[in-house]
Amino acid sequence: MSPQPSDLWLPLVIFAVFALLSVLGAYLALNALRGRRAALAGSVATAVFFAVLLAVVLALMRNARLLP
């Protein structure tokens, strides 16, 4: 029994919340240690990492026929 797309909204919201917390944490930590430019670079790199991670997970779910 495969999940319906409407059943996947909660994991997606949890993933987005953790991604935003990670981006914020990277910004705050790097801003305190290295400065604003490093903080922006680190937060952008963290956001790109989570975007790529989400794309890979969605591709794997499509290949497993869990998504339409």
PDB file of N, CA and C in Angstrom:
ATOM      1  N   MET A   1       0.848  -1.172   0.000  1.00  0.00           N
ATOM      2  CA  MET A   1       0.000   0.000   0.000  1.00  0.00           C
ATOM      3  C   MET A   1       0.898   1.241   0.000  1.00  0.00           C
ATOM      4  N   SER A   2       0.840   1.985  -1.060  1.00  0.00           N
ATOM      5  CA  SER A   2       1.682   3.182  -1.173  1.00  0.00           C
ATOM      6  C   SER A   2       0.942   4.390  -0.611  1.00  0.00           C
ATOM      7  N   PRO A   3       1.693   5.317  -0.037  1.00  0.00           N
ATOM      8  CA  PRO A   3       1.047   6.508   0.528  1.00  0.00           C
ATOM      9  C   PRO A   3       0.511   7.426  -0.568  1.00  0.00           C
ATOM     10  N   GLN A   4      -0.560   8.089  -0.255  1.00  0.00           N
ATOM     11  CA  GLN A   4      -1.122   9.080  -1.169  1.00  0.00           C
ATOM     12  C   GLN A   4      -0.291  10.358  -1.069  1.00  0.00           C
ATOM     13  N   PRO A   5      -0.240  11.162  -2.141  1.00  0.00           N
ATOM     14  CA  PRO A   5       0.506  12.421  -2.055  1.00  0.00           C
ATOM     15  C   PRO A   5       0.034  13.333  -0.931  1.00  0.00           C
ATOM     16  N   SER A   6      -1.236  13.249  -0.562  1.00  0.00           N
ATOM     17  CA  SER A   6      -1.738  14.085   0.520  1.00  0.00           C
ATOM     18  C   SER A   6      -1.213  13.627   1.881  1.00  0.00           C
ATOM     19  N   ASP A   7      -0.707  12.386   1.976  1.00  0.00           N
ATOM     20  CA  ASP A   7      -0.142  11.888   3.228  1.00  0.00           C
ATOM     21  C   ASP A   7       1.288  12.363   3.434  1.00  0.00           C
ATOM     22  N   LEU A   8       1.892  12.943   2.425  1.00  0.00           N
ATOM     23  CA  LEU A   8       3.300  13.311   2.493  1.00  0.00           C
ATOM     24  C   LEU A   8       3.526  14.767   2.876  1.00  0.00           C
ATOM     25  N   TRP A   9       2.484  15.515   3.187  1.00  0.00           N
ATOM     26  CA  TRP A   9       2.671  16.937   3.498  1.00  0.00           C
ATOM     27  C   TRP A   9       3.348  17.126   4.844  1.00  0.00           C
ATOM     28  N   LEU A  10       3.048  16.300   5.836  1.00  0.00           N
ATOM     29  CA  LEU A  10       3.664  16.472   7.157  1.00  0.00           C
ATOM     30  C   LEU A  10       5.173  16.207   7.136  1.00  0.00           C
ATOM     31  N   PRO A  11       5.660  15.118   6.515  1.00  0.00           N
ATOM     32  CA  PRO A  11       7.115  14.956   6.428  1.00  0.00           C
ATOM     33  C   PRO A  11       7.788  16.088   5.656  1.00  0.00           C
ATOM     34  N   LEU A  12       7.113  16.611   4.653  1.00  0.00           N
ATOM     35  CA  LEU A  12       7.678  17.722   3.892  1.00  0.00           C
ATOM     36  C   LEU A  12       7.774  18.984   4.746  1.00  0.00           C
ATOM     37  N   VAL A  13       6.766  19.241   5.567  1.00  0.00           N
ATOM     38  CA  VAL A  13       6.795  20.399   6.458  1.00  0.00           C
ATOM     39  C   VAL A  13       7.892  20.240   7.509  1.00  0.00           C
ATOM     40  N   ILE A  14       8.034  19.039   8.068  1.00  0.00           N
ATOM     41  CA  ILE A  14       9.089  18.792   9.049  1.00  0.00           C
ATOM     42  C   ILE A  14      10.462  18.974   8.415  1.00  0.00           C
ATOM     43  N   PHE A  15      10.638  18.485   7.202  1.00  0.00           N
ATOM     44  CA  PHE A  15      11.901  18.659   6.489  1.00  0.00           C
ATOM     45  C   PHE A  15      12.189  20.149   6.274  1.00  0.00           C
ATOM     46  N   ALA A  16      11.177  20.889   5.865  1.00  0.00           N
ATOM     47  CA  ALA A  16      11.369  22.326   5.622  1.00  0.00           C
ATOM     48  C   ALA A  16      11.711  23.069   6.908  1.00  0.00           C
ATOM     49  N   VAL A  17      11.088  22.695   8.019  1.00  0.00           N
ATOM     50  CA  VAL A  17      11.387  23.350   9.297  1.00  0.00           C
ATOM     51  C   VAL A  17      12.826  23.076   9.710  1.00  0.00           C
ATOM     52  N   PHE A  18      13.270  21.825   9.600  1.00  0.00           N
ATOM     53  CA  PHE A  18      14.652  21.508   9.951  1.00  0.00           C
ATOM     54  C   PHE A  18      15.641  22.171   9.005  1.00  0.00           C
ATOM     55  N   ALA A  19      15.285  22.284   7.738  1.00  0.00           N
ATOM     56  CA  ALA A  19      16.168  22.970   6.792  1.00  0.00           C
ATOM     57  C   ALA A  19      16.302  24.449   7.152  1.00  0.00           C
ATOM     58  N   LEU A  20      15.185  25.089   7.476  1.00  0.00           N
ATOM     59  CA  LEU A  20      15.236  26.499   7.863  1.00  0.00           C
ATOM     60  C   LEU A  20      16.003  26.707   9.166  1.00  0.00           C
ATOM     61  N   LEU A  21      15.819  25.799  10.128  1.00  0.00           N
ATOM     62  CA  LEU A  21      16.580  25.895  11.368  1.00  0.00           C
ATOM     63  C   LEU A  21      18.080  25.712  11.119  1.00  0.00           C
ATOM     64  N   SER A  22      18.428  24.834  10.202  1.00  0.00           N
ATOM     65  CA  SER A  22      19.836  24.623   9.876  1.00  0.00           C
ATOM     66  C   SER A  22      20.436  25.839   9.190  1.00  0.00           C
ATOM     67  N   VAL A  23      19.687  26.445   8.286  1.00  0.00           N
ATOM     68  CA  VAL A  23      20.169  27.645   7.609  1.00  0.00           C
ATOM     69  C   VAL A  23      20.349  28.776   8.625  1.00  0.00           C
ATOM     70  N   LEU A  24      19.381  28.940   9.503  1.00  0.00           N
ATOM     71  CA  LEU A  24      19.482  29.972  10.532  1.00  0.00           C
ATOM     72  C   LEU A  24      20.649  29.706  11.478  1.00  0.00           C
ATOM     73  N   GLY A  25      20.824  28.462  11.879  1.00  0.00           N
ATOM     74  CA  GLY A  25      21.927  28.102  12.752  1.00  0.00           C
ATOM     75  C   GLY A  25      23.277  28.324  12.102  1.00  0.00           C
ATOM     76  N   ALA A  26      23.385  27.984  10.818  1.00  0.00           N
ATOM     77  CA  ALA A  26      24.644  28.221  10.107  1.00  0.00           C
ATOM     78  C   ALA A  26      24.932  29.713  10.026  1.00  0.00           C
ATOM     79  N   TYR A  27      23.914  30.504   9.762  1.00  0.00           N
ATOM     80  CA  TYR A  27      24.117  31.949   9.688  1.00  0.00           C
ATOM     81  C   TYR A  27      24.568  32.511  11.033  1.00  0.00           C
ATOM     82  N   LEU A  28      23.870  32.137  12.092  1.00  0.00           N
ATOM     83  CA  LEU A  28      24.195  32.686  13.409  1.00  0.00           C
ATOM     84  C   LEU A  28      25.584  32.253  13.880  1.00  0.00           C
ATOM     85  N   ALA A  29      25.924  30.994  13.668  1.00  0.00           N
ATOM     86  CA  ALA A  29      27.227  30.508  14.113  1.00  0.00           C
ATOM     87  C   ALA A  29      28.358  31.160  13.331  1.00  0.00           C
ATOM     88  N   LEU A  30      28.209  31.215  12.022  1.00  0.00           N
ATOM     89  CA  LEU A  30      29.280  31.804  11.215  1.00  0.00           C
ATOM     90  C   LEU A  30      29.361  33.311  11.400  1.00  0.00           C
ATOM     91  N   ASN A  31      28.237  33.955  11.645  1.00  0.00           N
ATOM     92  CA  ASN A  31      28.265  35.398  11.879  1.00  0.00           C
ATOM     93  C   ASN A  31      29.032  35.715  13.165  1.00  0.00           C
ATOM     94  N   ALA A  32      28.877  34.867  14.160  1.00  0.00           N
ATOM     95  CA  ALA A  32      29.581  35.094  15.421  1.00  0.00           C
ATOM     96  C   ALA A  32      31.078  34.808  15.296  1.00  0.00           C
ATOM     97  N   LEU A  33      31.427  33.839  14.436  1.00  0.00           N
ATOM     98  CA  LEU A  33      32.829  33.420  14.342  1.00  0.00           C
ATOM     99  C   LEU A  33      33.617  34.130  13.247  1.00  0.00           C
ATOM    100  N   ARG A  34      33.004  34.320  12.088  1.00  0.00           N
ATOM    101  CA  ARG A  34      33.759  34.779  10.924  1.00  0.00           C
ATOM    102  C   ARG A  34      33.300  36.097  10.323  1.00  0.00           C
ATOM    103  N   GLY A  35      32.052  36.472  10.517  1.00  0.00           N
ATOM    104  CA  GLY A  35      31.564  37.708   9.924  1.00  0.00           C
ATOM    105  C   GLY A  35      30.376  37.475   9.008  1.00  0.00           C
ATOM    106  N   ARG A  36      29.840  38.584   8.527  1.00  0.00           N
ATOM    107  CA  ARG A  36      28.590  38.525   7.763  1.00  0.00           C
ATOM    108  C   ARG A  36      28.749  37.831   6.421  1.00  0.00           C
ATOM    109  N   ARG A  37      29.843  38.066   5.708  1.00  0.00           N
ATOM    110  CA  ARG A  37      30.030  37.464   4.390  1.00  0.00           C
ATOM    111  C   ARG A  37      30.126  35.943   4.496  1.00  0.00           C
ATOM    112  N   ALA A  38      30.871  35.461   5.464  1.00  0.00           N
ATOM    113  CA  ALA A  38      30.972  34.014   5.669  1.00  0.00           C
ATOM    114  C   ALA A  38      29.634  33.429   6.107  1.00  0.00           C
ATOM    115  N   ALA A  39      28.894  34.183   6.919  1.00  0.00           N
ATOM    116  CA  ALA A  39      27.590  33.712   7.371  1.00  0.00           C
ATOM    117  C   ALA A  39      26.626  33.568   6.200  1.00  0.00           C
ATOM    118  N   LEU A  40      26.617  34.529   5.303  1.00  0.00           N
ATOM    119  CA  LEU A  40      25.750  34.431   4.125  1.00  0.00           C
ATOM    120  C   LEU A  40      26.162  33.272   3.230  1.00  0.00           C
ATOM    121  N   ALA A  41      27.464  33.101   3.027  1.00  0.00           N
ATOM    122  CA  ALA A  41      27.939  31.997   2.192  1.00  0.00           C
ATOM    123  C   ALA A  41      27.586  30.647   2.815  1.00  0.00           C
ATOM    124  N   GLY A  42      27.757  30.531   4.109  1.00  0.00           N
ATOM    125  CA  GLY A  42      27.431  29.282   4.788  1.00  0.00           C
ATOM    126  C   GLY A  42      25.954  28.971   4.784  1.00  0.00           C
ATOM    127  N   SER A  43      25.138  29.985   4.957  1.00  0.00           N
ATOM    128  CA  SER A  43      23.692  29.741   4.952  1.00  0.00           C
ATOM    129  C   SER A  43      23.186  29.407   3.551  1.00  0.00           C
ATOM    130  N   VAL A  44      23.757  30.024   2.540  1.00  0.00           N
ATOM    131  CA  VAL A  44      23.378  29.679   1.161  1.00  0.00           C
ATOM    132  C   VAL A  44      23.820  28.257   0.838  1.00  0.00           C
ATOM    133  N   ALA A  45      25.028  27.889   1.251  1.00  0.00           N
ATOM    134  CA  ALA A  45      25.509  26.526   1.012  1.00  0.00           C
ATOM    135  C   ALA A  45      24.634  25.498   1.733  1.00  0.00           C
ATOM    136  N   THR A  46      24.191  25.823   2.932  1.00  0.00           N
ATOM    137  CA  THR A  46      23.305  24.921   3.672  1.00  0.00           C
ATOM    138  C   THR A  46      21.956  24.799   2.977  1.00  0.00           C
ATOM    139  N   ALA A  47      21.430  25.901   2.479  1.00  0.00           N
ATOM    140  CA  ALA A  47      20.149  25.863   1.765  1.00  0.00           C
ATOM    141  C   ALA A  47      20.260  25.046   0.480  1.00  0.00           C
ATOM    142  N   VAL A  48      21.368  25.200  -0.230  1.00  0.00           N
ATOM    143  CA  VAL A  48      21.577  24.416  -1.460  1.00  0.00           C
ATOM    144  C   VAL A  48      21.686  22.930  -1.117  1.00  0.00           C
ATOM    145  N   PHE A  49      22.395  22.609  -0.048  1.00  0.00           N
ATOM    146  CA  PHE A  49      22.517  21.216   0.378  1.00  0.00           C
ATOM    147  C   PHE A  49      21.142  20.602   0.634  1.00  0.00           C
ATOM    148  N   PHE A  50      20.287  21.296   1.366  1.00  0.00           N
ATOM    149  CA  PHE A  50      18.971  20.753   1.670  1.00  0.00           C
ATOM    150  C   PHE A  50      18.081  20.693   0.429  1.00  0.00           C
ATOM    151  N   ALA A  51      18.246  21.615  -0.505  1.00  0.00           N
ATOM    152  CA  ALA A  51      17.477  21.555  -1.749  1.00  0.00           C
ATOM    153  C   ALA A  51      17.883  20.335  -2.576  1.00  0.00           C
ATOM    154  N   VAL A  52      19.180  20.082  -2.649  1.00  0.00           N
ATOM    155  CA  VAL A  52      19.663  18.903  -3.387  1.00  0.00           C
ATOM    156  C   VAL A  52      19.211  17.627  -2.685  1.00  0.00           C
ATOM    157  N   LEU A  53      19.286  17.611  -1.364  1.00  0.00           N
ATOM    158  CA  LEU A  53      18.839  16.442  -0.600  1.00  0.00           C
ATOM    159  C   LEU A  53      17.366  16.165  -0.847  1.00  0.00           C
ATOM    160  N   LEU A  54      16.537  17.200  -0.859  1.00  0.00           N
ATOM    161  CA  LEU A  54      15.110  17.016  -1.134  1.00  0.00           C
ATOM    162  C   LEU A  54      14.889  16.502  -2.548  1.00  0.00           C
ATOM    163  N   ALA A  55      15.621  17.029  -3.515  1.00  0.00           N
ATOM    164  CA  ALA A  55      15.469  16.573  -4.901  1.00  0.00           C
ATOM    165  C   ALA A  55      15.843  15.095  -5.035  1.00  0.00           C
ATOM    166  N   VAL A  56      16.897  14.671  -4.362  1.00  0.00           N
ATOM    167  CA  VAL A  56      17.314  13.267  -4.427  1.00  0.00           C
ATOM    168  C   VAL A  56      16.280  12.368  -3.771  1.00  0.00           C
ATOM    169  N   VAL A  57      15.767  12.776  -2.622  1.00  0.00           N
ATOM    170  CA  VAL A  57      14.758  11.964  -1.935  1.00  0.00           C
ATOM    171  C   VAL A  57      13.493  11.853  -2.779  1.00  0.00           C
ATOM    172  N   LEU A  58      13.066  12.947  -3.381  1.00  0.00           N
ATOM    173  CA  LEU A  58      11.873  12.891  -4.238  1.00  0.00           C
ATOM    174  C   LEU A  58      12.104  12.025  -5.470  1.00  0.00           C
ATOM    175  N   ALA A  59      13.296  12.076  -6.049  1.00  0.00           N
ATOM    176  CA  ALA A  59      13.610  11.222  -7.201  1.00  0.00           C
ATOM    177  C   ALA A  59      13.597   9.750  -6.803  1.00  0.00           C
ATOM    178  N   LEU A  60      14.165   9.432  -5.650  1.00  0.00           N
ATOM    179  CA  LEU A  60      14.139   8.040  -5.188  1.00  0.00           C
ATOM    180  C   LEU A  60      12.721   7.572  -4.908  1.00  0.00           C
ATOM    181  N   MET A  61      11.896   8.449  -4.363  1.00  0.00           N
ATOM    182  CA  MET A  61      10.504   8.073  -4.091  1.00  0.00           C
ATOM    183  C   MET A  61       9.728   7.867  -5.386  1.00  0.00           C
ATOM    184  N   ARG A  62      10.033   8.665  -6.408  1.00  0.00           N
ATOM    185  CA  ARG A  62       9.375   8.459  -7.703  1.00  0.00           C
ATOM    186  C   ARG A  62       9.815   7.149  -8.332  1.00  0.00           C
ATOM    187  N   ASN A  63      11.109   6.828  -8.223  1.00  0.00           N
ATOM    188  CA  ASN A  63      11.601   5.562  -8.770  1.00  0.00           C
ATOM    189  C   ASN A  63      11.004   4.364  -8.044  1.00  0.00           C
ATOM    190  N   ALA A  64      10.714   4.499  -6.769  1.00  0.00           N
ATOM    191  CA  ALA A  64      10.095   3.431  -6.002  1.00  0.00           C
ATOM    192  C   ALA A  64       8.576   3.427  -6.162  1.00  0.00           C
ATOM    193  N   ARG A  65       8.067   4.303  -6.994  1.00  0.00           N
ATOM    194  CA  ARG A  65       6.635   4.439  -7.273  1.00  0.00           C
ATOM    195  C   ARG A  65       5.822   4.779  -6.017  1.00  0.00           C
ATOM    196  N   LEU A  66       6.447   5.557  -5.126  1.00  0.00           N
ATOM    197  CA  LEU A  66       5.714   6.064  -3.967  1.00  0.00           C
ATOM    198  C   LEU A  66       5.033   7.375  -4.268  1.00  0.00           C
ATOM    199  N   LEU A  67       5.470   8.034  -5.332  1.00  0.00           N
ATOM    200  CA  LEU A  67       4.859   9.280  -5.790  1.00  0.00           C
ATOM    201  C   LEU A  67       4.363   9.090  -7.211  1.00  0.00           C
ATOM    202  N   PRO A  68       3.313   9.793  -7.573  1.00  0.00           N
ATOM    203  CA  PRO A  68       2.814   9.665  -8.964  1.00  0.00           C
ATOM    204  C   PRO A  68       3.732  10.300  -9.969  1.00  0.00           C
TER     205      PRO A  68
END
